[in-house]
Amino acid sequence: MAKAGGERIEMTARVMEALPSALFRVETLGEHGKVRQVTAHCAAQDALRVRPGDVVVVEFSPFDLSRGRIVRCVQG
């Protein structure tokens, strides 16, 4: 799943919980149908309004898949 050269990985996830300091707990469907919870930071806080239940795209580094950045909301 990771790309060569340290490129970012994008996955679709659902926001489960809003945490302090513009952090969110998201749930993503990983390989083999396993659900994983990660902490994500909202990249554009002033332009992006995220609430629990929203479907978002999270960008991960191939080195640490437990933390990511919310890059955009998915139209649902």
Protein backbone atom coordinates (compact mmCIF):
# COMPACT_ATOMS: atom_id res chain seq x y z
CA MET A 1 0.00 0.00 0.00
CA ALA A 2 2.87 2.39 0.71
CA LYS A 3 4.49 4.05 -2.28
CA ALA A 4 8.22 4.33 -2.84
CA GLY A 5 9.99 7.56 -2.06
CA GLY A 6 8.10 8.41 1.12
CA GLU A 7 4.95 9.53 -0.66
CA ARG A 8 1.75 10.03 1.29
CA ILE A 9 -1.01 7.43 1.57
CA GLU A 10 -4.64 8.58 1.37
CA MET A 11 -7.50 6.60 2.92
CA THR A 12 -11.19 7.28 3.42
CA ALA A 13 -12.27 7.34 7.07
CA ARG A 14 -15.22 8.26 9.28
CA VAL A 15 -14.78 10.77 12.12
CA MET A 16 -15.69 9.04 15.40
CA GLU A 17 -14.81 11.66 18.01
CA ALA A 18 -13.62 15.26 18.24
CA LEU A 19 -10.67 15.65 20.63
CA PRO A 20 -9.11 18.84 22.05
CA SER A 21 -6.63 20.92 20.02
CA ALA A 22 -8.24 20.26 16.61
CA LEU A 23 -7.58 16.51 16.80
CA PHE A 24 -10.05 13.85 15.72
CA ARG A 25 -10.32 10.11 16.24
CA VAL A 26 -11.18 8.51 12.92
CA GLU A 27 -12.05 4.96 11.95
CA THR A 28 -10.72 3.63 8.66
CA LEU A 29 -11.36 0.37 6.89
CA GLY A 30 -7.93 -1.19 6.38
CA GLU A 31 -6.80 -4.27 4.52
CA HIS A 32 -8.81 -7.46 4.98
CA GLY A 33 -11.79 -5.56 6.40
CA LYS A 34 -10.12 -4.64 9.69
CA VAL A 35 -11.20 -1.39 11.30
CA ARG A 36 -8.44 0.82 12.64
CA GLN A 37 -8.72 3.94 14.80
CA VAL A 38 -6.19 6.70 14.36
CA THR A 39 -5.73 10.28 15.50
CA ALA A 40 -5.93 12.87 12.74
CA HIS A 41 -5.19 16.58 12.70
CA CYS A 42 -7.29 18.91 10.57
CA ALA A 43 -4.95 20.49 8.00
CA ALA A 44 -7.10 23.52 7.12
CA GLN A 45 -8.98 24.16 10.35
CA ASP A 46 -10.45 27.51 9.31
CA ALA A 47 -11.64 26.26 5.90
CA LEU A 48 -12.77 22.75 6.89
CA ARG A 49 -15.57 22.03 9.36
CA VAL A 50 -15.42 18.44 10.58
CA ARG A 51 -17.99 16.83 12.88
CA PRO A 52 -18.36 13.29 14.22
CA GLY A 53 -20.01 11.11 11.58
CA ASP A 54 -18.44 12.94 8.62
CA VAL A 55 -16.58 10.93 5.98
CA VAL A 56 -13.14 12.40 5.29
CA VAL A 57 -9.95 11.62 3.39
CA VAL A 58 -6.95 11.17 5.71
CA GLU A 59 -3.36 11.48 4.48
CA PHE A 60 -0.81 9.21 6.21
CA SER A 61 2.96 9.03 6.12
CA PRO A 62 4.21 5.55 5.15
CA PHE A 63 6.40 5.62 8.27
CA ASP A 64 3.62 6.09 10.87
CA LEU A 65 0.11 4.88 9.98
CA SER A 66 -1.25 5.65 13.46
CA ARG A 67 -1.36 9.42 12.83
CA GLY A 68 -2.64 11.30 9.84
CA ARG A 69 -3.95 14.58 8.50
CA ILE A 70 -7.49 15.26 7.31
CA VAL A 71 -7.16 16.76 3.83
CA ARG A 72 -10.79 17.00 2.67
CA CYS A 73 -14.37 15.97 3.33
CA VAL A 74 -16.08 13.44 1.07
CA GLN A 75 -19.51 14.36 -0.27
CA GLY A 76 -22.00 11.93 1.21
